[in-house]
Amino acid sequence: MGISKGVLVGAMAVFLSACSWVTLSQEGEDVRVLDAAQVTSCERVGKTTVRTKATLGGLERHEEKVQSELNALARNSAPDIGGDTVVPVDKPVEGVQVFEVYRCIR
């Protein structure tokens, strides 16, 4: 008895939706993700908009995985504009999210 094509495609979609293709850079490892209340003593240095795949083959990816990738992408981009902290401005929409970038005194 073989596995049906539909079951195989479904299983592959679930597996792939959990995959991550974003790697945190060495510089990004030093960048924190905080909320707005936690950056009151920090200097805002800019903004970054990051994007990742929210769907794969027409199927929604895991929300936590998408958020994790967006956080990593924002953290990776912050040092390029002199930041060491990022704060999400809003919730992700279709795999796109805006972050404020701050330089904080540690």
PDB file of N, CA and C in Angstrom:
ATOM      1  N   MET A   1       0.838  -1.167   0.000  1.00  0.00           N
ATOM      2  CA  MET A   1       0.000   0.000   0.000  1.00  0.00           C
ATOM      3  C   MET A   1       0.891   1.240   0.000  1.00  0.00           C
ATOM      4  N   GLY A   2       0.766   2.090  -1.006  1.00  0.00           N
ATOM      5  CA  GLY A   2       1.612   3.258  -1.144  1.00  0.00           C
ATOM      6  C   GLY A   2       0.992   4.484  -0.494  1.00  0.00           C
ATOM      7  N   ILE A   3       1.817   5.479  -0.321  1.00  0.00           N
ATOM      8  CA  ILE A   3       1.369   6.760   0.226  1.00  0.00           C
ATOM      9  C   ILE A   3       0.749   7.557  -0.908  1.00  0.00           C
ATOM     10  N   SER A   4      -0.398   8.145  -0.650  1.00  0.00           N
ATOM     11  CA  SER A   4      -1.050   8.930  -1.695  1.00  0.00           C
ATOM     12  C   SER A   4      -0.255  10.199  -1.969  1.00  0.00           C
ATOM     13  N   LYS A   5      -0.370  10.696  -3.177  1.00  0.00           N
ATOM     14  CA  LYS A   5       0.334  11.895  -3.594  1.00  0.00           C
ATOM     15  C   LYS A   5      -0.068  13.086  -2.726  1.00  0.00           C
ATOM     16  N   GLY A   6      -1.353  13.182  -2.373  1.00  0.00           N
ATOM     17  CA  GLY A   6      -1.840  14.280  -1.541  1.00  0.00           C
ATOM     18  C   GLY A   6      -1.217  14.281  -0.154  1.00  0.00           C
ATOM     19  N   VAL A   7      -1.077  13.089   0.431  1.00  0.00           N
ATOM     20  CA  VAL A   7      -0.463  12.986   1.760  1.00  0.00           C
ATOM     21  C   VAL A   7       1.003  13.382   1.681  1.00  0.00           C
ATOM     22  N   LEU A   8       1.684  12.941   0.641  1.00  0.00           N
ATOM     23  CA  LEU A   8       3.095  13.265   0.475  1.00  0.00           C
ATOM     24  C   LEU A   8       3.295  14.768   0.283  1.00  0.00           C
ATOM     25  N   VAL A   9       2.485  15.386  -0.553  1.00  0.00           N
ATOM     26  CA  VAL A   9       2.581  16.828  -0.785  1.00  0.00           C
ATOM     27  C   VAL A   9       2.285  17.583   0.510  1.00  0.00           C
ATOM     28  N   GLY A  10       1.276  17.155   1.242  1.00  0.00           N
ATOM     29  CA  GLY A  10       0.936  17.796   2.513  1.00  0.00           C
ATOM     30  C   GLY A  10       2.057  17.698   3.523  1.00  0.00           C
ATOM     31  N   ALA A  11       2.662  16.530   3.613  1.00  0.00           N
ATOM     32  CA  ALA A  11       3.768  16.326   4.547  1.00  0.00           C
ATOM     33  C   ALA A  11       4.962  17.189   4.177  1.00  0.00           C
ATOM     34  N   MET A  12       5.247  17.302   2.896  1.00  0.00           N
ATOM     35  CA  MET A  12       6.361  18.140   2.436  1.00  0.00           C
ATOM     36  C   MET A  12       6.086  19.600   2.750  1.00  0.00           C
ATOM     37  N   ALA A  13       4.850  20.046   2.561  1.00  0.00           N
ATOM     38  CA  ALA A  13       4.486  21.435   2.830  1.00  0.00           C
ATOM     39  C   ALA A  13       4.662  21.762   4.305  1.00  0.00           C
ATOM     40  N   VAL A  14       4.246  20.862   5.179  1.00  0.00           N
ATOM     41  CA  VAL A  14       4.406  21.074   6.622  1.00  0.00           C
ATOM     42  C   VAL A  14       5.886  21.140   6.975  1.00  0.00           C
ATOM     43  N   PHE A  15       6.672  20.239   6.424  1.00  0.00           N
ATOM     44  CA  PHE A  15       8.111  20.231   6.682  1.00  0.00           C
ATOM     45  C   PHE A  15       8.757  21.529   6.207  1.00  0.00           C
ATOM     46  N   LEU A  16       8.471  21.939   4.982  1.00  0.00           N
ATOM     47  CA  LEU A  16       9.082  23.136   4.426  1.00  0.00           C
ATOM     48  C   LEU A  16       8.611  24.406   5.120  1.00  0.00           C
ATOM     49  N   SER A  17       7.369  24.421   5.613  1.00  0.00           N
ATOM     50  CA  SER A  17       6.867  25.624   6.279  1.00  0.00           C
ATOM     51  C   SER A  17       7.603  25.876   7.585  1.00  0.00           C
ATOM     52  N   ALA A  18       8.217  24.861   8.149  1.00  0.00           N
ATOM     53  CA  ALA A  18       8.957  25.015   9.396  1.00  0.00           C
ATOM     54  C   ALA A  18      10.418  25.357   9.158  1.00  0.00           C
ATOM     55  N   CYS A  19      10.885  25.279   7.930  1.00  0.00           N
ATOM     56  CA  CYS A  19      12.286  25.541   7.614  1.00  0.00           C
ATOM     57  C   CYS A  19      12.606  27.029   7.736  1.00  0.00           C
ATOM     58  N   SER A  20      13.852  27.315   8.036  1.00  0.00           N
ATOM     59  CA  SER A  20      14.319  28.692   8.113  1.00  0.00           C
ATOM     60  C   SER A  20      15.511  28.846   7.186  1.00  0.00           C
ATOM     61  N   TRP A  21      15.501  29.922   6.435  1.00  0.00           N
ATOM     62  CA  TRP A  21      16.607  30.186   5.517  1.00  0.00           C
ATOM     63  C   TRP A  21      17.403  31.403   5.945  1.00  0.00           C
ATOM     64  N   VAL A  22      17.070  31.996   7.081  1.00  0.00           N
ATOM     65  CA  VAL A  22      17.733  33.204   7.549  1.00  0.00           C
ATOM     66  C   VAL A  22      18.718  32.835   8.647  1.00  0.00           C
ATOM     67  N   THR A  23      19.939  33.312   8.501  1.00  0.00           N
ATOM     68  CA  THR A  23      20.978  33.076   9.484  1.00  0.00           C
ATOM     69  C   THR A  23      21.337  34.394  10.145  1.00  0.00           C
ATOM     70  N   LEU A  24      21.442  34.389  11.452  1.00  0.00           N
ATOM     71  CA  LEU A  24      21.844  35.575  12.190  1.00  0.00           C
ATOM     72  C   LEU A  24      23.333  35.805  11.964  1.00  0.00           C
ATOM     73  N   SER A  25      23.688  37.015  11.535  1.00  0.00           N
ATOM     74  CA  SER A  25      25.093  37.341  11.282  1.00  0.00           C
ATOM     75  C   SER A  25      25.836  37.526  12.597  1.00  0.00           C
ATOM     76  N   GLN A  26      27.145  37.549  12.512  1.00  0.00           N
ATOM     77  CA  GLN A  26      27.961  37.755  13.705  1.00  0.00           C
ATOM     78  C   GLN A  26      27.645  39.118  14.326  1.00  0.00           C
ATOM     79  N   GLU A  27      27.478  40.148  13.491  1.00  0.00           N
ATOM     80  CA  GLU A  27      27.142  41.479  13.995  1.00  0.00           C
ATOM     81  C   GLU A  27      25.732  41.490  14.579  1.00  0.00           C
ATOM     82  N   GLY A  28      24.811  40.769  13.937  1.00  0.00           N
ATOM     83  CA  GLY A  28      23.428  40.713  14.389  1.00  0.00           C
ATOM     84  C   GLY A  28      23.265  40.052  15.739  1.00  0.00           C
ATOM     85  N   GLU A  29      24.200  39.181  16.104  1.00  0.00           N
ATOM     86  CA  GLU A  29      24.129  38.503  17.405  1.00  0.00           C
ATOM     87  C   GLU A  29      24.174  39.491  18.563  1.00  0.00           C
ATOM     88  N   ASP A  30      24.786  40.656  18.349  1.00  0.00           N
ATOM     89  CA  ASP A  30      24.913  41.663  19.406  1.00  0.00           C
ATOM     90  C   ASP A  30      23.722  42.619  19.462  1.00  0.00           C
ATOM     91  N   VAL A  31      22.766  42.464  18.567  1.00  0.00           N
ATOM     92  CA  VAL A  31      21.610  43.362  18.499  1.00  0.00           C
ATOM     93  C   VAL A  31      20.437  42.736  19.243  1.00  0.00           C
ATOM     94  N   ARG A  32      19.779  43.559  20.077  1.00  0.00           N
ATOM     95  CA  ARG A  32      18.639  43.080  20.860  1.00  0.00           C
ATOM     96  C   ARG A  32      17.332  43.473  20.184  1.00  0.00           C
ATOM     97  N   VAL A  33      16.284  42.697  20.432  1.00  0.00           N
ATOM     98  CA  VAL A  33      14.923  43.036  20.021  1.00  0.00           C
ATOM     99  C   VAL A  33      14.171  43.387  21.298  1.00  0.00           C
ATOM    100  N   LEU A  34      13.742  44.652  21.399  1.00  0.00           N
ATOM    101  CA  LEU A  34      13.031  45.121  22.585  1.00  0.00           C
ATOM    102  C   LEU A  34      11.703  45.740  22.174  1.00  0.00           C
ATOM    103  N   ASP A  35      10.919  46.177  23.171  1.00  0.00           N
ATOM    104  CA  ASP A  35       9.701  46.915  22.845  1.00  0.00           C
ATOM    105  C   ASP A  35       9.948  48.398  23.138  1.00  0.00           C
ATOM    106  N   ALA A  36       9.031  49.247  22.699  1.00  0.00           N
ATOM    107  CA  ALA A  36       9.218  50.696  22.777  1.00  0.00           C
ATOM    108  C   ALA A  36       9.455  51.194  24.199  1.00  0.00           C
ATOM    109  N   ALA A  37       8.840  50.579  25.186  1.00  0.00           N
ATOM    110  CA  ALA A  37       9.006  51.005  26.581  1.00  0.00           C
ATOM    111  C   ALA A  37      10.416  50.770  27.093  1.00  0.00           C
ATOM    112  N   GLN A  38      11.158  49.904  26.438  1.00  0.00           N
ATOM    113  CA  GLN A  38      12.492  49.551  26.905  1.00  0.00           C
ATOM    114  C   GLN A  38      13.606  50.373  26.274  1.00  0.00           C
ATOM    115  N   VAL A  39      13.287  51.304  25.381  1.00  0.00           N
ATOM    116  CA  VAL A  39      14.329  52.066  24.692  1.00  0.00           C
ATOM    117  C   VAL A  39      14.244  53.563  24.969  1.00  0.00           C
ATOM    118  N   THR A  40      13.669  53.923  26.110  1.00  0.00           N
ATOM    119  CA  THR A  40      13.478  55.343  26.428  1.00  0.00           C
ATOM    120  C   THR A  40      14.791  56.099  26.585  1.00  0.00           C
ATOM    121  N   SER A  41      15.871  55.429  26.956  1.00  0.00           N
ATOM    122  CA  SER A  41      17.156  56.111  27.112  1.00  0.00           C
ATOM    123  C   SER A  41      18.069  55.876  25.908  1.00  0.00           C
ATOM    124  N   CYS A  42      17.497  55.445  24.798  1.00  0.00           N
ATOM    125  CA  CYS A  42      18.275  55.141  23.588  1.00  0.00           C
ATOM    126  C   CYS A  42      18.073  56.222  22.532  1.00  0.00           C
ATOM    127  N   GLU A  43      19.003  56.279  21.605  1.00  0.00           N
ATOM    128  CA  GLU A  43      18.914  57.225  20.489  1.00  0.00           C
ATOM    129  C   GLU A  43      18.401  56.497  19.254  1.00  0.00           C
ATOM    130  N   ARG A  44      17.322  56.998  18.656  1.00  0.00           N
ATOM    131  CA  ARG A  44      16.800  56.413  17.421  1.00  0.00           C
ATOM    132  C   ARG A  44      17.731  56.803  16.282  1.00  0.00           C
ATOM    133  N   VAL A  45      18.211  55.806  15.526  1.00  0.00           N
ATOM    134  CA  VAL A  45      19.139  56.075  14.424  1.00  0.00           C
ATOM    135  C   VAL A  45      18.549  55.780  13.054  1.00  0.00           C
ATOM    136  N   GLY A  46      17.362  55.199  13.016  1.00  0.00           N
ATOM    137  CA  GLY A  46      16.758  54.929  11.714  1.00  0.00           C
ATOM    138  C   GLY A  46      15.671  53.889  11.784  1.00  0.00           C
ATOM    139  N   LYS A  47      15.364  53.375  10.611  1.00  0.00           N
ATOM    140  CA  LYS A  47      14.293  52.410  10.444  1.00  0.00           C
ATOM    141  C   LYS A  47      14.748  51.372   9.431  1.00  0.00           C
ATOM    142  N   THR A  48      14.266  50.152   9.590  1.00  0.00           N
ATOM    143  CA  THR A  48      14.552  49.115   8.606  1.00  0.00           C
ATOM    144  C   THR A  48      13.269  48.346   8.314  1.00  0.00           C
ATOM    145  N   THR A  49      13.084  48.005   7.066  1.00  0.00           N
ATOM    146  CA  THR A  49      11.956  47.184   6.647  1.00  0.00           C
ATOM    147  C   THR A  49      12.526  45.878   6.138  1.00  0.00           C
ATOM    148  N   VAL A  50      12.049  44.781   6.720  1.00  0.00           N
ATOM    149  CA  VAL A  50      12.570  43.469   6.355  1.00  0.00           C
ATOM    150  C   VAL A  50      11.438  42.592   5.849  1.00  0.00           C
ATOM    151  N   ARG A  51      11.808  41.595   5.046  1.00  0.00           N
ATOM    152  CA  ARG A  51      10.782  40.693   4.488  1.00  0.00           C
ATOM    153  C   ARG A  51      11.308  39.285   4.358  1.00  0.00           C
ATOM    154  N   THR A  52      10.387  38.353   4.524  1.00  0.00           N
ATOM    155  CA  THR A  52      10.676  36.942   4.346  1.00  0.00           C
ATOM    156  C   THR A  52       9.421  36.287   3.778  1.00  0.00           C
ATOM    157  N   LYS A  53       9.524  35.046   3.396  1.00  0.00           N
ATOM    158  CA  LYS A  53       8.377  34.319   2.851  1.00  0.00           C
ATOM    159  C   LYS A  53       7.388  33.992   3.963  1.00  0.00           C
ATOM    160  N   ALA A  54       6.145  34.427   3.800  1.00  0.00           N
ATOM    161  CA  ALA A  54       5.091  34.103   4.762  1.00  0.00           C
ATOM    162  C   ALA A  54       4.307  32.880   4.312  1.00  0.00           C
ATOM    163  N   THR A  55       4.382  32.597   3.011  1.00  0.00           N
ATOM    164  CA  THR A  55       3.714  31.420   2.466  1.00  0.00           C
ATOM    165  C   THR A  55       4.713  30.643   1.640  1.00  0.00           C
ATOM    166  N   LEU A  56       4.439  29.372   1.495  1.00  0.00           N
ATOM    167  CA  LEU A  56       5.288  28.508   0.683  1.00  0.00           C
ATOM    168  C   LEU A  56       4.371  27.559  -0.058  1.00  0.00           C
ATOM    169  N   GLY A  57       4.374  27.659  -1.362  1.00  0.00           N
ATOM    170  CA  GLY A  57       3.499  26.814  -2.164  1.00  0.00           C
ATOM    171  C   GLY A  57       2.025  27.065  -1.871  1.00  0.00           C
ATOM    172  N   GLY A  58       1.697  28.320  -1.519  1.00  0.00           N
ATOM    173  CA  GLY A  58       0.318  28.672  -1.224  1.00  0.00           C
ATOM    174  C   GLY A  58      -0.123  28.358   0.191  1.00  0.00           C
ATOM    175  N   LEU A  59       0.767  27.789   0.999  1.00  0.00           N
ATOM    176  CA  LEU A  59       0.432  27.452   2.388  1.00  0.00           C
ATOM    177  C   LEU A  59       1.121  28.424   3.337  1.00  0.00           C
ATOM    178  N   GLU A  60       0.405  28.804   4.388  1.00  0.00           N
ATOM    179  CA  GLU A  60       0.959  29.694   5.404  1.00  0.00           C
ATOM    180  C   GLU A  60       2.088  29.003   6.166  1.00  0.00           C
ATOM    181  N   ARG A  61       3.198  29.718   6.368  1.00  0.00           N
ATOM    182  CA  ARG A  61       4.276  29.203   7.202  1.00  0.00           C
ATOM    183  C   ARG A  61       3.945  29.461   8.666  1.00  0.00           C
ATOM    184  N   HIS A  62       4.609  28.779   9.559  1.00  0.00           N
ATOM    185  CA  HIS A  62       4.392  28.964  10.989  1.00  0.00           C
ATOM    186  C   HIS A  62       4.681  30.413  11.369  1.00  0.00           C
ATOM    187  N   GLU A  63       3.742  31.027  12.075  1.00  0.00           N
ATOM    188  CA  GLU A  63       3.860  32.430  12.471  1.00  0.00           C
ATOM    189  C   GLU A  63       5.127  32.689  13.284  1.00  0.00           C
ATOM    190  N   GLU A  64       5.452  31.785  14.189  1.00  0.00           N
ATOM    191  CA  GLU A  64       6.644  31.955  15.026  1.00  0.00           C
ATOM    192  C   GLU A  64       7.925  31.911  14.190  1.00  0.00           C
ATOM    193  N   LYS A  65       7.953  31.048  13.193  1.00  0.00           N
ATOM    194  CA  LYS A  65       9.135  30.935  12.337  1.00  0.00           C
ATOM    195  C   LYS A  65       9.308  32.203  11.502  1.00  0.00           C
ATOM    196  N   VAL A  66       8.207  32.703  10.949  1.00  0.00           N
ATOM    197  CA  VAL A  66       8.263  33.941  10.166  1.00  0.00           C
ATOM    198  C   VAL A  66       8.754  35.084  11.052  1.00  0.00           C
ATOM    199  N   GLN A  67       8.203  35.212  12.275  1.00  0.00           N
ATOM    200  CA  GLN A  67       8.630  36.285  13.183  1.00  0.00           C
ATOM    201  C   GLN A  67      10.094  36.150  13.545  1.00  0.00           C
ATOM    202  N   SER A  68      10.549  34.929  13.784  1.00  0.00           N
ATOM    203  CA  SER A  68      11.948  34.689  14.112  1.00  0.00           C
ATOM    204  C   SER A  68      12.860  35.147  12.969  1.00  0.00           C
ATOM    205  N   GLU A  69      12.482  34.854  11.740  1.00  0.00           N
ATOM    206  CA  GLU A  69      13.275  35.272  10.583  1.00  0.00           C
ATOM    207  C   GLU A  69      13.273  36.786  10.432  1.00  0.00           C
ATOM    208  N   LEU A  70      12.110  37.414  10.627  1.00  0.00           N
ATOM    209  CA  LEU A  70      12.037  38.871  10.531  1.00  0.00           C
ATOM    210  C   LEU A  70      12.905  39.527  11.599  1.00  0.00           C
ATOM    211  N   ASN A  71      12.871  39.002  12.821  1.00  0.00           N
ATOM    212  CA  ASN A  71      13.729  39.532  13.892  1.00  0.00           C
ATOM    213  C   ASN A  71      15.201  39.401  13.518  1.00  0.00           C
ATOM    214  N   ALA A  72      15.592  38.248  12.987  1.00  0.00           N
ATOM    215  CA  ALA A  72      16.990  38.031  12.591  1.00  0.00           C
ATOM    216  C   ALA A  72      17.402  38.990  11.479  1.00  0.00           C
ATOM    217  N   LEU A  73      16.533  39.176  10.507  1.00  0.00           N
ATOM    218  CA  LEU A  73      16.844  40.104   9.411  1.00  0.00           C
ATOM    219  C   LEU A  73      16.999  41.529   9.927  1.00  0.00           C
ATOM    220  N   ALA A  74      16.119  41.952  10.844  1.00  0.00           N
ATOM    221  CA  ALA A  74      16.223  43.298  11.423  1.00  0.00           C
ATOM    222  C   ALA A  74      17.510  43.424  12.232  1.00  0.00           C
ATOM    223  N   ARG A  75      17.819  42.402  13.018  1.00  0.00           N
ATOM    224  CA  ARG A  75      19.049  42.421  13.809  1.00  0.00           C
ATOM    225  C   ARG A  75      20.271  42.482  12.903  1.00  0.00           C
ATOM    226  N   ASN A  76      20.239  41.760  11.789  1.00  0.00           N
ATOM    227  CA  ASN A  76      21.369  41.770  10.850  1.00  0.00           C
ATOM    228  C   ASN A  76      21.564  43.139  10.213  1.00  0.00           C
ATOM    229  N   SER A  77      20.471  43.868   9.977  1.00  0.00           N
ATOM    230  CA  SER A  77      20.581  45.152   9.281  1.00  0.00           C
ATOM    231  C   SER A  77      20.884  46.324  10.214  1.00  0.00           C
ATOM    232  N   ALA A  78      20.612  46.196  11.506  1.00  0.00           N
ATOM    233  CA  ALA A  78      20.801  47.304  12.446  1.00  0.00           C
ATOM    234  C   ALA A  78      22.229  47.842  12.500  1.00  0.00           C
ATOM    235  N   PRO A  79      23.257  47.007  12.562  1.00  0.00           N
ATOM    236  CA  PRO A  79      24.622  47.539  12.636  1.00  0.00           C
ATOM    237  C   PRO A  79      25.000  48.394  11.419  1.00  0.00           C
ATOM    238  N   ASP A  80      24.387  48.136  10.276  1.00  0.00           N
ATOM    239  CA  ASP A  80      24.695  48.904   9.068  1.00  0.00           C
ATOM    240  C   ASP A  80      24.337  50.372   9.214  1.00  0.00           C
ATOM    241  N   ILE A  81      23.390  50.682  10.112  1.00  0.00           N
ATOM    242  CA  ILE A  81      23.009  52.085  10.318  1.00  0.00           C
ATOM    243  C   ILE A  81      23.355  52.550  11.728  1.00  0.00           C
ATOM    244  N   GLY A  82      24.254  51.824  12.395  1.00  0.00           N
ATOM    245  CA  GLY A  82      24.760  52.241  13.697  1.00  0.00           C
ATOM    246  C   GLY A  82      23.908  51.843  14.875  1.00  0.00           C
ATOM    247  N   GLY A  83      23.026  50.871  14.711  1.00  0.00           N
ATOM    248  CA  GLY A  83      22.157  50.462  15.802  1.00  0.00           C
ATOM    249  C   GLY A  83      22.614  49.208  16.505  1.00  0.00           C
ATOM    250  N   ASP A  84      22.132  49.068  17.747  1.00  0.00           N
ATOM    251  CA  ASP A  84      22.402  47.854  18.511  1.00  0.00           C
ATOM    252  C   ASP A  84      21.116  47.272  19.099  1.00  0.00           C
ATOM    253  N   THR A  85      19.974  47.875  18.746  1.00  0.00           N
ATOM    254  CA  THR A  85      18.676  47.449  19.259  1.00  0.00           C
ATOM    255  C   THR A  85      17.618  47.718  18.199  1.00  0.00           C
ATOM    256  N   VAL A  86      16.672  46.797  18.052  1.00  0.00           N
ATOM    257  CA  VAL A  86      15.555  47.016  17.136  1.00  0.00           C
ATOM    258  C   VAL A  86      14.240  46.853  17.896  1.00  0.00           C
ATOM    259  N   VAL A  87      13.242  47.624  17.450  1.00  0.00           N
ATOM    260  CA  VAL A  87      11.912  47.592  18.050  1.00  0.00           C
ATOM    261  C   VAL A  87      10.901  47.452  16.919  1.00  0.00           C
ATOM    262  N   PRO A  88      10.080  46.409  16.951  1.00  0.00           N
ATOM    263  CA  PRO A  88       9.067  46.279  15.905  1.00  0.00           C
ATOM    264  C   PRO A  88       8.062  47.424  15.995  1.00  0.00           C
ATOM    265  N   VAL A  89       7.747  48.023  14.845  1.00  0.00           N
ATOM    266  CA  VAL A  89       6.794  49.134  14.784  1.00  0.00           C
ATOM    267  C   VAL A  89       5.368  48.602  14.776  1.00  0.00           C
ATOM    268  N   ASP A  90       5.179  47.500  14.085  1.00  0.00           N
ATOM    269  CA  ASP A  90       3.856  46.903  13.968  1.00  0.00           C
ATOM    270  C   ASP A  90       4.006  45.406  13.757  1.00  0.00           C
ATOM    271  N   LYS A  91       2.905  44.731  13.589  1.00  0.00           N
ATOM    272  CA  LYS A  91       2.935  43.282  13.346  1.00  0.00           C
ATOM    273  C   LYS A  91       3.286  43.018  11.885  1.00  0.00           C
ATOM    274  N   PRO A  92       3.840  41.852  11.584  1.00  0.00           N
ATOM    275  CA  PRO A  92       4.161  41.524  10.188  1.00  0.00           C
ATOM    276  C   PRO A  92       2.890  41.407   9.343  1.00  0.00           C
ATOM    277  N   VAL A  93       3.001  41.849   8.107  1.00  0.00           N
ATOM    278  CA  VAL A  93       1.923  41.707   7.129  1.00  0.00           C
ATOM    279  C   VAL A  93       2.505  41.039   5.901  1.00  0.00           C
ATOM    280  N   GLU A  94       2.038  39.825   5.615  1.00  0.00           N
ATOM    281  CA  GLU A  94       2.495  39.062   4.458  1.00  0.00           C
ATOM    282  C   GLU A  94       4.012  38.958   4.399  1.00  0.00           C
ATOM    283  N   GLY A  95       4.632  38.733   5.558  1.00  0.00           N
ATOM    284  CA  GLY A  95       6.076  38.535   5.619  1.00  0.00           C
ATOM    285  C   GLY A  95       6.902  39.797   5.606  1.00  0.00           C
ATOM    286  N   VAL A  96       6.279  40.962   5.801  1.00  0.00           N
ATOM    287  CA  VAL A  96       6.992  42.242   5.815  1.00  0.00           C
ATOM    288  C   VAL A  96       6.766  42.901   7.172  1.00  0.00           C
ATOM    289  N   GLN A  97       7.850  43.447   7.757  1.00  0.00           N
ATOM    290  CA  GLN A  97       7.723  44.128   9.041  1.00  0.00           C
ATOM    291  C   GLN A  97       8.706  45.289   9.110  1.00  0.00           C
ATOM    292  N   VAL A  98       8.265  46.376   9.745  1.00  0.00           N
ATOM    293  CA  VAL A  98       9.088  47.560   9.944  1.00  0.00           C
ATOM    294  C   VAL A  98       9.592  47.566  11.383  1.00  0.00           C
ATOM    295  N   PHE A  99      10.868  47.894  11.540  1.00  0.00           N
ATOM    296  CA  PHE A  99      11.492  48.011  12.851  1.00  0.00           C
ATOM    297  C   PHE A  99      12.160  49.382  12.969  1.00  0.00           C
ATOM    298  N   GLU A 100      12.049  50.012  14.134  1.00  0.00           N
ATOM    299  CA  GLU A 100      12.844  51.195  14.463  1.00  0.00           C
ATOM    300  C   GLU A 100      14.197  50.664  14.928  1.00  0.00           C
ATOM    301  N   VAL A 101      15.247  51.397  14.615  1.00  0.00           N
ATOM    302  CA  VAL A 101      16.604  50.983  14.997  1.00  0.00           C
ATOM    303  C   VAL A 101      17.156  52.028  15.979  1.00  0.00           C
ATOM    304  N   TYR A 102      17.704  51.553  17.081  1.00  0.00           N
ATOM    305  CA  TYR A 102      18.218  52.409  18.148  1.00  0.00           C
ATOM    306  C   TYR A 102      19.652  52.058  18.480  1.00  0.00           C
ATOM    307  N   ARG A 103      20.352  53.070  19.043  1.00  0.00           N
ATOM    308  CA  ARG A 103      21.661  52.860  19.661  1.00  0.00           C
ATOM    309  C   ARG A 103      21.445  53.117  21.138  1.00  0.00           C
ATOM    310  N   CYS A 104      21.686  52.120  21.939  1.00  0.00           N
ATOM    311  CA  CYS A 104      21.435  52.214  23.377  1.00  0.00           C
ATOM    312  C   CYS A 104      22.760  52.168  24.130  1.00  0.00           C
ATOM    313  N   ILE A 105      22.785  52.828  25.248  1.00  0.00           N
ATOM    314  CA  ILE A 105      23.963  52.800  26.120  1.00  0.00           C
ATOM    315  C   ILE A 105      23.818  51.573  27.004  1.00  0.00           C
ATOM    316  N   ARG A 106      24.800  50.716  26.980  1.00  0.00           N
ATOM    317  CA  ARG A 106      24.764  49.486  27.773  1.00  0.00           C
ATOM    318  C   ARG A 106      25.686  49.574  28.934  1.00  0.00           C
TER     319      ARG A 106
END
